[in-house]
N, C-alpha and C. Protein backbone atom coordinates (compact mmCIF):
# COMPACT_ATOMS: atom_id res chain seq x y z
N UNK A 1 0.85 -1.19 0.00
CA UNK A 1 0.00 0.00 0.00
C UNK A 1 0.88 1.24 0.00
N UNK A 2 0.67 2.12 -0.98
CA UNK A 2 1.43 3.35 -1.10
C UNK A 2 0.47 4.53 -0.95
N UNK A 3 0.81 5.45 -0.03
CA UNK A 3 -0.04 6.61 0.18
C UNK A 3 0.34 7.71 -0.80
N UNK A 4 -0.68 8.25 -1.46
CA UNK A 4 -0.47 9.28 -2.47
C UNK A 4 -1.48 10.39 -2.26
N UNK A 5 -1.07 11.63 -2.49
CA UNK A 5 -1.98 12.76 -2.29
C UNK A 5 -2.99 12.87 -3.42
N UNK A 6 -2.61 12.36 -4.61
CA UNK A 6 -3.52 12.44 -5.75
C UNK A 6 -3.90 13.87 -6.08
N UNK A 7 -5.11 14.08 -6.53
CA UNK A 7 -5.54 15.43 -6.94
C UNK A 7 -6.17 16.20 -5.80
N UNK A 8 -6.45 15.53 -4.67
CA UNK A 8 -7.18 16.20 -3.58
C UNK A 8 -6.26 16.80 -2.54
N UNK A 9 -5.02 16.32 -2.46
CA UNK A 9 -4.10 16.78 -1.43
C UNK A 9 -4.27 16.04 -0.12
N UNK A 10 -5.29 15.19 -0.02
CA UNK A 10 -5.52 14.38 1.19
C UNK A 10 -4.98 12.97 0.94
N UNK A 11 -3.96 12.54 1.71
CA UNK A 11 -3.35 11.22 1.46
C UNK A 11 -4.36 10.08 1.52
N UNK A 12 -4.25 9.17 0.56
CA UNK A 12 -5.09 7.96 0.57
C UNK A 12 -4.22 6.79 0.15
N UNK A 13 -4.43 5.66 0.77
CA UNK A 13 -3.60 4.49 0.51
C UNK A 13 -4.06 3.73 -0.71
N UNK A 14 -3.17 3.55 -1.68
CA UNK A 14 -3.46 2.77 -2.88
C UNK A 14 -2.89 1.37 -2.68
N UNK A 15 -3.75 0.37 -2.67
CA UNK A 15 -3.32 -1.01 -2.43
C UNK A 15 -3.07 -1.72 -3.76
N UNK A 16 -1.82 -2.10 -3.99
CA UNK A 16 -1.39 -2.72 -5.25
C UNK A 16 -1.19 -4.21 -5.03
N UNK A 17 -1.74 -5.02 -5.91
CA UNK A 17 -1.56 -6.47 -5.80
C UNK A 17 -0.20 -6.87 -6.37
N UNK A 18 0.27 -8.03 -5.96
CA UNK A 18 1.52 -8.58 -6.50
C UNK A 18 1.41 -8.75 -8.01
N UNK A 19 0.24 -9.19 -8.46
CA UNK A 19 0.03 -9.40 -9.90
C UNK A 19 0.16 -8.10 -10.69
N UNK A 20 -0.44 -7.02 -10.17
CA UNK A 20 -0.37 -5.74 -10.87
C UNK A 20 1.06 -5.21 -10.89
N UNK A 21 1.76 -5.38 -9.76
CA UNK A 21 3.16 -4.93 -9.71
C UNK A 21 4.02 -5.69 -10.70
N UNK A 22 3.83 -6.99 -10.80
CA UNK A 22 4.61 -7.80 -11.74
C UNK A 22 4.26 -7.47 -13.18
N UNK A 23 2.99 -7.13 -13.44
CA UNK A 23 2.60 -6.72 -14.80
C UNK A 23 3.35 -5.46 -15.19
N UNK A 24 3.50 -4.51 -14.24
CA UNK A 24 4.25 -3.28 -14.50
C UNK A 24 5.72 -3.59 -14.75
N UNK A 25 6.31 -4.43 -13.90
CA UNK A 25 7.73 -4.74 -14.01
C UNK A 25 8.04 -5.49 -15.31
N UNK A 26 7.16 -6.39 -15.72
CA UNK A 26 7.37 -7.11 -16.98
C UNK A 26 7.30 -6.15 -18.17
N UNK A 27 6.33 -5.23 -18.14
CA UNK A 27 6.20 -4.24 -19.22
C UNK A 27 7.42 -3.34 -19.26
N UNK A 28 7.90 -2.94 -18.08
CA UNK A 28 9.07 -2.07 -17.99
C UNK A 28 10.31 -2.76 -18.55
N UNK A 29 10.47 -4.03 -18.19
CA UNK A 29 11.64 -4.78 -18.66
C UNK A 29 11.58 -4.97 -20.18
N UNK A 30 10.37 -5.20 -20.69
CA UNK A 30 10.21 -5.37 -22.14
C UNK A 30 10.55 -4.09 -22.89
N UNK A 31 10.17 -2.94 -22.33
CA UNK A 31 10.42 -1.67 -23.00
C UNK A 31 11.90 -1.30 -22.97
N UNK A 32 12.52 -1.39 -21.79
CA UNK A 32 13.88 -0.89 -21.64
C UNK A 32 14.96 -1.94 -21.89
N UNK A 33 14.60 -3.22 -21.82
CA UNK A 33 15.60 -4.25 -22.05
C UNK A 33 16.64 -4.36 -20.95
N UNK A 34 16.23 -4.08 -19.69
CA UNK A 34 17.16 -4.26 -18.58
C UNK A 34 17.29 -5.76 -18.30
N UNK A 35 18.29 -6.38 -18.90
CA UNK A 35 18.46 -7.83 -18.78
C UNK A 35 19.90 -8.22 -18.49
N UNK A 36 20.76 -7.26 -18.24
CA UNK A 36 22.19 -7.55 -18.17
C UNK A 36 22.79 -7.15 -16.83
N UNK A 37 23.77 -7.92 -16.35
CA UNK A 37 24.52 -7.50 -15.15
C UNK A 37 25.25 -6.18 -15.36
N UNK A 38 25.37 -5.75 -16.62
CA UNK A 38 26.03 -4.46 -16.90
C UNK A 38 25.13 -3.27 -16.58
N UNK A 39 23.84 -3.52 -16.35
CA UNK A 39 22.91 -2.43 -16.03
C UNK A 39 23.20 -1.91 -14.63
N UNK A 40 23.40 -0.60 -14.52
CA UNK A 40 23.64 0.04 -13.22
C UNK A 40 22.60 1.15 -13.05
N UNK A 41 21.70 0.98 -12.07
CA UNK A 41 20.60 1.89 -11.82
C UNK A 41 20.97 2.84 -10.69
N UNK A 42 20.84 4.14 -10.90
CA UNK A 42 21.05 5.11 -9.83
C UNK A 42 19.70 5.45 -9.22
N UNK A 43 19.50 5.10 -7.94
CA UNK A 43 18.23 5.33 -7.25
C UNK A 43 18.21 6.74 -6.69
N UNK A 44 17.64 7.66 -7.44
CA UNK A 44 17.62 9.08 -7.08
C UNK A 44 16.36 9.46 -6.32
N UNK A 45 15.25 8.78 -6.59
CA UNK A 45 13.95 9.21 -6.08
C UNK A 45 13.75 8.85 -4.61
N UNK A 46 13.02 9.71 -3.89
CA UNK A 46 12.66 9.40 -2.50
C UNK A 46 11.82 8.12 -2.47
N UNK A 47 11.99 7.35 -1.40
CA UNK A 47 11.27 6.08 -1.30
C UNK A 47 9.77 6.26 -1.05
N UNK A 48 9.34 7.49 -0.74
CA UNK A 48 7.91 7.76 -0.59
C UNK A 48 7.25 8.06 -1.93
N UNK A 49 8.04 8.11 -3.00
CA UNK A 49 7.54 8.39 -4.35
C UNK A 49 7.47 7.06 -5.08
N UNK A 50 6.28 6.66 -5.54
CA UNK A 50 6.10 5.28 -6.01
C UNK A 50 7.04 4.84 -7.14
N UNK A 51 7.52 5.71 -8.04
CA UNK A 51 8.46 5.22 -9.05
C UNK A 51 9.76 4.67 -8.48
N UNK A 52 10.06 5.00 -7.20
CA UNK A 52 11.28 4.44 -6.60
C UNK A 52 11.24 2.92 -6.55
N UNK A 53 10.03 2.35 -6.61
CA UNK A 53 9.90 0.88 -6.64
C UNK A 53 10.66 0.30 -7.83
N UNK A 54 10.61 1.01 -8.96
CA UNK A 54 11.33 0.54 -10.15
C UNK A 54 12.84 0.49 -9.91
N UNK A 55 13.36 1.52 -9.22
CA UNK A 55 14.80 1.55 -8.95
C UNK A 55 15.24 0.32 -8.17
N UNK A 56 14.38 -0.17 -7.28
CA UNK A 56 14.74 -1.29 -6.43
C UNK A 56 14.55 -2.64 -7.11
N UNK A 57 13.53 -2.77 -7.97
CA UNK A 57 13.23 -4.07 -8.54
C UNK A 57 13.82 -4.32 -9.92
N UNK A 58 14.14 -3.26 -10.67
CA UNK A 58 14.78 -3.47 -11.97
C UNK A 58 16.06 -4.31 -11.85
N UNK A 59 16.96 -3.99 -10.92
CA UNK A 59 18.19 -4.79 -10.82
C UNK A 59 17.92 -6.24 -10.39
N UNK A 60 16.84 -6.46 -9.63
CA UNK A 60 16.51 -7.83 -9.22
C UNK A 60 16.18 -8.67 -10.46
N UNK A 61 15.44 -8.08 -11.40
CA UNK A 61 15.04 -8.81 -12.60
C UNK A 61 16.18 -8.93 -13.60
N UNK A 62 17.04 -7.92 -13.68
CA UNK A 62 18.09 -7.91 -14.71
C UNK A 62 19.42 -8.47 -14.23
N UNK A 63 19.53 -8.75 -12.91
CA UNK A 63 20.80 -9.16 -12.30
C UNK A 63 21.82 -8.02 -12.33
N UNK A 64 21.32 -6.79 -12.55
CA UNK A 64 22.22 -5.64 -12.56
C UNK A 64 22.47 -5.11 -11.16
N UNK A 65 22.89 -3.86 -11.07
CA UNK A 65 23.25 -3.25 -9.79
C UNK A 65 22.38 -2.02 -9.55
N UNK A 66 22.21 -1.70 -8.27
CA UNK A 66 21.53 -0.46 -7.89
C UNK A 66 22.46 0.33 -6.98
N UNK A 67 22.56 1.63 -7.22
CA UNK A 67 23.38 2.51 -6.41
C UNK A 67 22.43 3.40 -5.61
N UNK A 68 22.50 3.30 -4.28
CA UNK A 68 21.65 4.10 -3.39
C UNK A 68 22.39 5.36 -2.99
N UNK A 69 21.73 6.50 -3.09
CA UNK A 69 22.37 7.77 -2.71
C UNK A 69 22.09 8.04 -1.25
N UNK A 70 22.94 8.88 -0.64
CA UNK A 70 22.73 9.29 0.75
C UNK A 70 21.54 10.25 0.83
N UNK A 71 20.94 10.33 2.02
CA UNK A 71 19.85 11.26 2.23
C UNK A 71 20.33 12.69 1.93
N UNK A 72 19.58 13.40 1.10
CA UNK A 72 19.95 14.76 0.72
C UNK A 72 20.66 14.84 -0.62
N UNK A 73 21.28 13.73 -1.04
CA UNK A 73 21.99 13.74 -2.32
C UNK A 73 21.03 13.72 -3.51
N UNK A 74 19.75 13.37 -3.27
CA UNK A 74 18.78 13.35 -4.36
C UNK A 74 18.65 14.71 -5.03
N UNK A 75 18.98 15.77 -4.28
CA UNK A 75 18.82 17.14 -4.80
C UNK A 75 20.16 17.84 -4.98
N UNK A 76 21.22 17.07 -5.05
CA UNK A 76 22.58 17.61 -5.17
C UNK A 76 23.16 17.20 -6.53
N UNK A 77 23.15 18.10 -7.52
CA UNK A 77 23.63 17.74 -8.86
C UNK A 77 25.06 17.20 -8.87
N UNK A 78 25.93 17.78 -8.01
CA UNK A 78 27.33 17.36 -8.01
C UNK A 78 27.50 15.97 -7.41
N UNK A 79 26.70 15.65 -6.39
CA UNK A 79 26.75 14.31 -5.80
C UNK A 79 26.25 13.27 -6.80
N UNK A 80 25.19 13.59 -7.54
CA UNK A 80 24.66 12.65 -8.52
C UNK A 80 25.66 12.45 -9.65
N UNK A 81 26.31 13.53 -10.07
CA UNK A 81 27.34 13.42 -11.10
C UNK A 81 28.45 12.49 -10.65
N UNK A 82 28.90 12.62 -9.39
CA UNK A 82 29.96 11.78 -8.86
C UNK A 82 29.56 10.31 -8.84
N UNK A 83 28.31 10.03 -8.47
CA UNK A 83 27.82 8.63 -8.45
C UNK A 83 27.82 8.04 -9.86
N UNK A 84 27.33 8.82 -10.82
CA UNK A 84 27.27 8.32 -12.20
C UNK A 84 28.66 7.97 -12.71
N UNK A 85 29.62 8.85 -12.46
CA UNK A 85 30.98 8.63 -12.95
C UNK A 85 31.65 7.47 -12.20
N UNK A 86 31.55 7.47 -10.86
CA UNK A 86 32.25 6.47 -10.06
C UNK A 86 31.72 5.06 -10.31
N UNK A 87 30.40 4.93 -10.43
CA UNK A 87 29.79 3.60 -10.55
C UNK A 87 29.43 3.24 -11.99
N UNK A 88 29.77 4.10 -12.93
CA UNK A 88 29.46 3.87 -14.34
C UNK A 88 27.97 3.56 -14.53
N UNK A 89 27.15 4.47 -14.01
CA UNK A 89 25.70 4.32 -14.05
C UNK A 89 25.21 4.37 -15.49
N UNK A 90 24.28 3.46 -15.82
CA UNK A 90 23.73 3.40 -17.17
C UNK A 90 22.31 3.92 -17.26
N UNK A 91 21.59 3.99 -16.13
CA UNK A 91 20.18 4.39 -16.17
C UNK A 91 19.85 5.24 -14.95
N UNK A 92 19.08 6.32 -15.19
CA UNK A 92 18.64 7.18 -14.08
C UNK A 92 17.22 7.66 -14.36
N UNK A 93 16.43 7.76 -13.30
CA UNK A 93 15.05 8.22 -13.40
C UNK A 93 14.85 9.36 -12.42
N UNK A 94 14.30 10.49 -12.88
CA UNK A 94 14.10 11.65 -12.01
C UNK A 94 12.98 12.52 -12.55
N UNK A 95 12.56 13.48 -11.73
CA UNK A 95 11.55 14.43 -12.19
C UNK A 95 12.22 15.48 -13.07
N UNK A 96 11.49 16.05 -14.05
CA UNK A 96 12.09 17.02 -14.97
C UNK A 96 12.75 18.21 -14.27
N UNK A 97 12.18 18.68 -13.15
CA UNK A 97 12.76 19.85 -12.49
C UNK A 97 14.16 19.55 -11.96
N UNK A 98 14.39 18.32 -11.48
CA UNK A 98 15.73 17.94 -11.02
C UNK A 98 16.68 17.80 -12.20
N UNK A 99 16.18 17.24 -13.28
CA UNK A 99 17.00 17.12 -14.49
C UNK A 99 17.40 18.49 -15.01
N UNK A 100 16.48 19.43 -14.97
CA UNK A 100 16.76 20.80 -15.40
C UNK A 100 17.82 21.44 -14.51
N UNK A 101 17.73 21.18 -13.20
CA UNK A 101 18.71 21.73 -12.26
C UNK A 101 20.11 21.20 -12.57
N UNK A 102 20.21 19.92 -12.89
CA UNK A 102 21.52 19.33 -13.22
C UNK A 102 22.12 20.01 -14.45
N UNK A 103 21.29 20.20 -15.46
CA UNK A 103 21.80 20.79 -16.70
C UNK A 103 22.20 22.25 -16.54
N UNK A 104 21.55 22.94 -15.61
CA UNK A 104 21.86 24.36 -15.42
C UNK A 104 23.04 24.57 -14.47
N UNK A 105 23.25 23.66 -13.52
CA UNK A 105 24.27 23.87 -12.50
C UNK A 105 25.61 23.20 -12.83
N UNK A 106 25.58 22.07 -13.51
CA UNK A 106 26.83 21.36 -13.81
C UNK A 106 27.52 21.98 -15.02
N UNK A 107 28.82 21.92 -15.03
CA UNK A 107 29.58 22.45 -16.17
C UNK A 107 29.49 21.49 -17.35
N UNK A 108 29.90 21.96 -18.51
CA UNK A 108 29.90 21.12 -19.71
C UNK A 108 30.79 19.89 -19.49
N UNK A 109 31.93 20.09 -18.83
CA UNK A 109 32.83 18.97 -18.56
C UNK A 109 32.18 17.96 -17.61
N UNK A 110 31.47 18.45 -16.59
CA UNK A 110 30.78 17.56 -15.66
C UNK A 110 29.74 16.72 -16.40
N UNK A 111 28.99 17.36 -17.28
CA UNK A 111 27.94 16.66 -18.01
C UNK A 111 28.53 15.64 -18.98
N UNK A 112 29.59 16.01 -19.66
CA UNK A 112 30.22 15.08 -20.60
C UNK A 112 30.82 13.88 -19.88
N UNK A 113 31.23 14.06 -18.62
CA UNK A 113 31.82 12.96 -17.85
C UNK A 113 30.80 11.86 -17.56
N UNK A 114 29.51 12.19 -17.68
CA UNK A 114 28.44 11.21 -17.41
C UNK A 114 28.10 10.44 -18.68
N UNK A 115 29.11 10.01 -19.38
CA UNK A 115 28.94 9.41 -20.71
C UNK A 115 28.46 7.96 -20.67
N UNK A 116 28.41 7.35 -19.48
CA UNK A 116 27.94 5.96 -19.41
C UNK A 116 26.41 5.88 -19.43
N UNK A 117 25.73 7.01 -19.26
CA UNK A 117 24.26 6.99 -19.26
C UNK A 117 23.72 6.52 -20.61
N UNK A 118 22.83 5.54 -20.57
CA UNK A 118 22.21 5.01 -21.78
C UNK A 118 20.71 5.30 -21.85
N UNK A 119 20.06 5.35 -20.68
CA UNK A 119 18.63 5.65 -20.65
C UNK A 119 18.35 6.64 -19.53
N UNK A 120 17.54 7.66 -19.86
CA UNK A 120 17.10 8.65 -18.89
C UNK A 120 15.58 8.65 -18.93
N UNK A 121 14.98 8.49 -17.75
CA UNK A 121 13.52 8.45 -17.66
C UNK A 121 13.03 9.58 -16.78
N UNK A 122 11.93 10.20 -17.18
CA UNK A 122 11.33 11.28 -16.39
C UNK A 122 9.86 10.99 -16.18
N UNK A 123 9.32 11.58 -15.13
CA UNK A 123 7.90 11.45 -14.82
C UNK A 123 7.56 12.31 -13.62
N UNK A 124 6.30 12.34 -13.27
CA UNK A 124 5.86 13.10 -12.12
C UNK A 124 5.55 14.55 -12.41
N UNK A 125 6.09 15.07 -13.50
CA UNK A 125 5.87 16.45 -13.94
C UNK A 125 5.89 16.46 -15.47
N UNK A 126 5.38 17.54 -16.05
CA UNK A 126 5.45 17.69 -17.51
C UNK A 126 6.91 17.91 -17.94
N UNK A 127 7.29 17.31 -19.04
CA UNK A 127 8.64 17.47 -19.59
C UNK A 127 8.60 18.52 -20.70
N UNK A 128 9.19 19.70 -20.47
CA UNK A 128 9.19 20.74 -21.51
C UNK A 128 10.04 20.32 -22.71
N UNK A 129 9.59 20.63 -23.93
CA UNK A 129 10.38 20.28 -25.12
C UNK A 129 11.79 20.85 -25.09
N UNK A 130 11.96 22.06 -24.55
CA UNK A 130 13.30 22.67 -24.50
C UNK A 130 14.23 21.87 -23.61
N UNK A 131 13.71 21.32 -22.52
CA UNK A 131 14.54 20.49 -21.64
C UNK A 131 14.90 19.19 -22.33
N UNK A 132 13.95 18.60 -23.03
CA UNK A 132 14.23 17.37 -23.77
C UNK A 132 15.33 17.60 -24.79
N UNK A 133 15.28 18.73 -25.47
CA UNK A 133 16.30 19.04 -26.47
C UNK A 133 17.66 19.25 -25.81
N UNK A 134 17.68 19.86 -24.65
CA UNK A 134 18.94 20.07 -23.93
C UNK A 134 19.56 18.74 -23.50
N UNK A 135 18.72 17.80 -23.09
CA UNK A 135 19.21 16.48 -22.69
C UNK A 135 19.89 15.80 -23.87
N UNK A 136 19.26 15.86 -25.03
CA UNK A 136 19.86 15.22 -26.22
C UNK A 136 21.17 15.91 -26.62
N UNK A 137 21.25 17.20 -26.36
CA UNK A 137 22.47 17.92 -26.72
C UNK A 137 23.65 17.51 -25.84
N UNK A 138 23.42 17.35 -24.54
CA UNK A 138 24.54 17.06 -23.63
C UNK A 138 24.83 15.56 -23.52
N UNK A 139 23.80 14.73 -23.74
CA UNK A 139 23.99 13.27 -23.67
C UNK A 139 23.44 12.61 -24.94
N UNK A 140 24.09 12.82 -26.07
CA UNK A 140 23.57 12.27 -27.33
C UNK A 140 23.56 10.75 -27.36
N UNK A 141 24.32 10.11 -26.48
CA UNK A 141 24.39 8.64 -26.45
C UNK A 141 23.19 8.02 -25.74
N UNK A 142 22.38 8.83 -25.06
CA UNK A 142 21.30 8.30 -24.22
C UNK A 142 19.93 8.49 -24.87
N UNK A 143 19.01 7.59 -24.56
CA UNK A 143 17.62 7.75 -24.97
C UNK A 143 16.84 8.39 -23.82
N UNK A 144 15.81 9.15 -24.18
CA UNK A 144 15.01 9.88 -23.21
C UNK A 144 13.57 9.38 -23.27
N UNK A 145 13.02 9.04 -22.11
CA UNK A 145 11.68 8.44 -22.06
C UNK A 145 10.79 9.20 -21.09
N UNK A 146 9.58 9.53 -21.55
CA UNK A 146 8.59 10.22 -20.73
C UNK A 146 7.57 9.20 -20.23
N UNK A 147 7.52 9.00 -18.90
CA UNK A 147 6.62 8.02 -18.30
C UNK A 147 5.45 8.75 -17.63
N UNK A 148 4.24 8.25 -17.86
CA UNK A 148 3.05 8.88 -17.29
C UNK A 148 2.15 7.83 -16.65
N UNK A 149 1.59 8.20 -15.50
CA UNK A 149 0.60 7.32 -14.88
C UNK A 149 0.48 7.58 -13.40
N UNK A 150 -0.70 7.41 -12.85
CA UNK A 150 -0.90 7.59 -11.41
C UNK A 150 -0.54 6.32 -10.65
N UNK A 151 -0.41 6.45 -9.33
CA UNK A 151 -0.13 5.29 -8.48
C UNK A 151 -1.18 4.20 -8.67
N UNK A 152 -2.40 4.60 -8.98
CA UNK A 152 -3.50 3.64 -9.14
C UNK A 152 -3.28 2.67 -10.29
N UNK A 153 -2.35 2.97 -11.20
CA UNK A 153 -2.03 2.02 -12.27
C UNK A 153 -0.57 1.59 -12.17
N UNK A 154 -0.03 1.63 -10.98
CA UNK A 154 1.32 1.13 -10.65
C UNK A 154 2.41 1.87 -11.44
N UNK A 155 2.80 3.00 -10.96
CA UNK A 155 3.95 3.78 -11.39
C UNK A 155 3.72 4.49 -12.73
N UNK A 156 3.76 3.77 -13.85
CA UNK A 156 3.42 4.42 -15.12
C UNK A 156 2.65 3.46 -16.00
N UNK A 157 1.74 4.00 -16.79
CA UNK A 157 0.91 3.16 -17.65
C UNK A 157 0.99 3.55 -19.11
N UNK A 158 1.58 4.72 -19.40
CA UNK A 158 1.88 5.08 -20.80
C UNK A 158 3.33 5.57 -20.85
N UNK A 159 3.92 5.45 -22.02
CA UNK A 159 5.32 5.82 -22.16
C UNK A 159 5.60 6.30 -23.58
N UNK A 160 6.50 7.28 -23.68
CA UNK A 160 6.91 7.79 -24.99
C UNK A 160 8.42 7.96 -24.99
N UNK A 161 9.07 7.51 -26.04
CA UNK A 161 10.48 7.84 -26.24
C UNK A 161 10.54 9.18 -26.96
N UNK A 162 11.21 10.13 -26.36
CA UNK A 162 11.24 11.50 -26.89
C UNK A 162 12.54 11.69 -27.67
N UNK A 163 12.42 11.89 -28.96
CA UNK A 163 13.59 12.05 -29.80
C UNK A 163 14.07 13.49 -29.86
N UNK A 164 15.23 13.68 -30.44
CA UNK A 164 15.77 15.03 -30.61
C UNK A 164 14.91 15.80 -31.60
N UNK A 165 14.76 17.09 -31.37
CA UNK A 165 14.01 17.94 -32.28
C UNK A 165 12.50 17.86 -32.12
N UNK A 166 12.02 17.26 -31.03
CA UNK A 166 10.58 17.14 -30.82
C UNK A 166 10.00 18.49 -30.39
N UNK A 167 8.93 18.92 -31.06
CA UNK A 167 8.30 20.19 -30.71
C UNK A 167 7.29 20.04 -29.58
N UNK A 168 6.83 18.82 -29.37
CA UNK A 168 5.92 18.52 -28.26
C UNK A 168 6.40 17.25 -27.58
N UNK A 169 5.98 17.06 -26.34
CA UNK A 169 6.34 15.85 -25.60
C UNK A 169 5.04 15.13 -25.22
N UNK A 170 4.70 14.05 -25.90
CA UNK A 170 3.46 13.33 -25.59
C UNK A 170 3.65 12.39 -24.40
N UNK A 171 2.53 11.87 -23.87
CA UNK A 171 2.64 10.85 -22.82
C UNK A 171 2.76 9.46 -23.44
N UNK A 172 2.62 9.37 -24.75
CA UNK A 172 2.92 8.12 -25.43
C UNK A 172 1.76 7.16 -25.54
N UNK A 173 2.09 5.88 -25.54
CA UNK A 173 1.10 4.82 -25.72
C UNK A 173 1.08 3.93 -24.48
N UNK A 174 0.00 3.15 -24.29
CA UNK A 174 -0.07 2.30 -23.11
C UNK A 174 1.01 1.23 -23.12
N UNK A 175 1.44 0.83 -21.93
CA UNK A 175 2.34 -0.33 -21.80
C UNK A 175 1.57 -1.57 -22.24
N UNK A 176 2.28 -2.68 -22.52
CA UNK A 176 1.60 -3.89 -22.98
C UNK A 176 0.54 -4.42 -22.00
N UNK A 177 0.65 -4.07 -20.72
CA UNK A 177 -0.28 -4.60 -19.72
C UNK A 177 -1.25 -3.54 -19.20
N UNK A 178 -1.38 -2.44 -19.95
CA UNK A 178 -2.31 -1.38 -19.58
C UNK A 178 -3.15 -0.98 -20.78
N UNK A 179 -4.26 -0.30 -20.53
CA UNK A 179 -5.11 0.24 -21.59
C UNK A 179 -5.31 1.73 -21.33
N UNK A 180 -5.53 2.50 -22.38
CA UNK A 180 -5.77 3.93 -22.25
C UNK A 180 -6.80 4.36 -23.30
N UNK A 181 -7.88 4.99 -22.84
CA UNK A 181 -8.93 5.46 -23.74
C UNK A 181 -9.27 6.91 -23.41
N UNK A 182 -9.52 7.70 -24.44
CA UNK A 182 -10.02 9.07 -24.25
C UNK A 182 -11.51 9.04 -24.53
N UNK A 183 -12.31 9.32 -23.47
CA UNK A 183 -13.76 9.16 -23.55
C UNK A 183 -14.47 10.49 -23.31
N UNK A 184 -15.73 10.56 -23.80
CA UNK A 184 -16.53 11.76 -23.55
C UNK A 184 -17.33 11.59 -22.26
N UNK A 185 -18.24 12.51 -21.97
CA UNK A 185 -18.99 12.48 -20.72
C UNK A 185 -19.93 11.27 -20.60
N UNK A 186 -20.21 10.62 -21.73
CA UNK A 186 -21.05 9.42 -21.72
C UNK A 186 -20.22 8.14 -21.85
N UNK A 187 -18.92 8.30 -21.68
CA UNK A 187 -17.97 7.17 -21.73
C UNK A 187 -17.87 6.54 -23.11
N UNK A 188 -18.10 7.34 -24.15
CA UNK A 188 -17.88 6.90 -25.52
C UNK A 188 -16.52 7.41 -26.00
N UNK A 189 -15.78 6.61 -26.77
CA UNK A 189 -14.48 7.09 -27.31
C UNK A 189 -14.68 8.33 -28.18
N UNK A 190 -13.83 9.33 -28.02
CA UNK A 190 -13.91 10.53 -28.84
C UNK A 190 -13.07 10.35 -30.10
N UNK A 191 -13.38 11.07 -31.18
CA UNK A 191 -12.55 11.00 -32.38
C UNK A 191 -11.15 11.55 -32.12
N UNK A 192 -10.22 11.19 -32.98
CA UNK A 192 -8.84 11.70 -32.87
C UNK A 192 -8.87 13.23 -32.94
N UNK A 193 -8.16 13.87 -32.02
CA UNK A 193 -8.08 15.32 -32.00
C UNK A 193 -9.14 16.02 -31.18
N UNK A 194 -10.11 15.25 -30.65
CA UNK A 194 -11.17 15.82 -29.83
C UNK A 194 -10.82 15.62 -28.35
N UNK A 195 -11.02 16.65 -27.56
CA UNK A 195 -10.69 16.57 -26.12
C UNK A 195 -11.65 15.65 -25.39
N UNK A 196 -11.16 14.99 -24.37
CA UNK A 196 -11.97 14.11 -23.54
C UNK A 196 -11.23 13.79 -22.25
N UNK A 197 -11.72 12.82 -21.52
CA UNK A 197 -11.08 12.38 -20.28
C UNK A 197 -10.30 11.10 -20.55
N UNK A 198 -9.12 10.98 -19.91
CA UNK A 198 -8.28 9.80 -20.08
C UNK A 198 -8.67 8.75 -19.06
N UNK A 199 -8.99 7.54 -19.54
CA UNK A 199 -9.33 6.41 -18.68
C UNK A 199 -8.27 5.32 -18.86
N UNK A 200 -7.70 4.89 -17.74
CA UNK A 200 -6.65 3.88 -17.76
C UNK A 200 -7.17 2.59 -17.14
N UNK A 201 -6.68 1.46 -17.65
CA UNK A 201 -7.12 0.17 -17.11
C UNK A 201 -6.10 -0.90 -17.41
N UNK A 202 -6.55 -2.16 -17.35
CA UNK A 202 -5.66 -3.27 -17.65
C UNK A 202 -5.12 -3.96 -16.41
N UNK A 203 -4.16 -4.86 -16.63
CA UNK A 203 -3.59 -5.67 -15.55
C UNK A 203 -2.91 -4.85 -14.48
N UNK A 204 -2.48 -3.66 -14.82
CA UNK A 204 -1.72 -2.85 -13.88
C UNK A 204 -2.59 -2.08 -12.88
N UNK A 205 -3.90 -2.22 -12.95
CA UNK A 205 -4.76 -1.49 -12.04
C UNK A 205 -4.57 -1.98 -10.61
N UNK A 206 -4.51 -1.02 -9.69
CA UNK A 206 -4.40 -1.36 -8.27
C UNK A 206 -5.70 -2.00 -7.79
N UNK A 207 -5.63 -2.63 -6.63
CA UNK A 207 -6.81 -3.31 -6.08
C UNK A 207 -7.85 -2.29 -5.64
N UNK A 208 -7.40 -1.14 -5.14
CA UNK A 208 -8.34 -0.12 -4.69
C UNK A 208 -7.70 0.72 -3.60
N UNK A 209 -8.53 1.54 -2.94
CA UNK A 209 -8.03 2.39 -1.85
C UNK A 209 -8.25 1.66 -0.52
N UNK A 210 -7.28 1.77 0.37
CA UNK A 210 -7.38 1.10 1.65
C UNK A 210 -8.58 1.64 2.43
N UNK A 211 -9.39 0.74 2.99
CA UNK A 211 -10.56 1.15 3.74
C UNK A 211 -11.74 1.52 2.86
């Protein structure tokens, strides 16, 4: 059970089944291909933030490694840079605002030293196109992925790989174990280009709210 403020600001416990969690982890492994002992995950996110679950379980499935940062280092660009270089980190997941801070505070040499990065994932906030373009400029060897989804669908349920030169950053398509529909007020699918509400479902749905 993970407590999340959601849209109301009042914490509520989201109870996730083992089956739903494994559906998320299988989809994640299929997308990113974390299958090698060479995979080194840098766990940047606070453990109260549900995506941190991925940092802990990805290495279990891939036989790779996880690097845990000290308390307070999650918001220290220079400490994160040192971890990436020292441990030859290949994958990192963070919110766009922290990624933006790293790019603005670290020198060009510091950023180039993080050349082992192969995949960068963001979520929890909107990813501005300008930030995405800056990431590709400083780390051309890495792919950039935008993950979207509430705790109720176990971490993320849609994903988009954001390429260089993108004018917009979409939330992408559903994972193999999730569904996503844009519906009108009568729960009918809307035509392409028409605004509606996003409904998520599939194997990744949580069991419900505690109590």
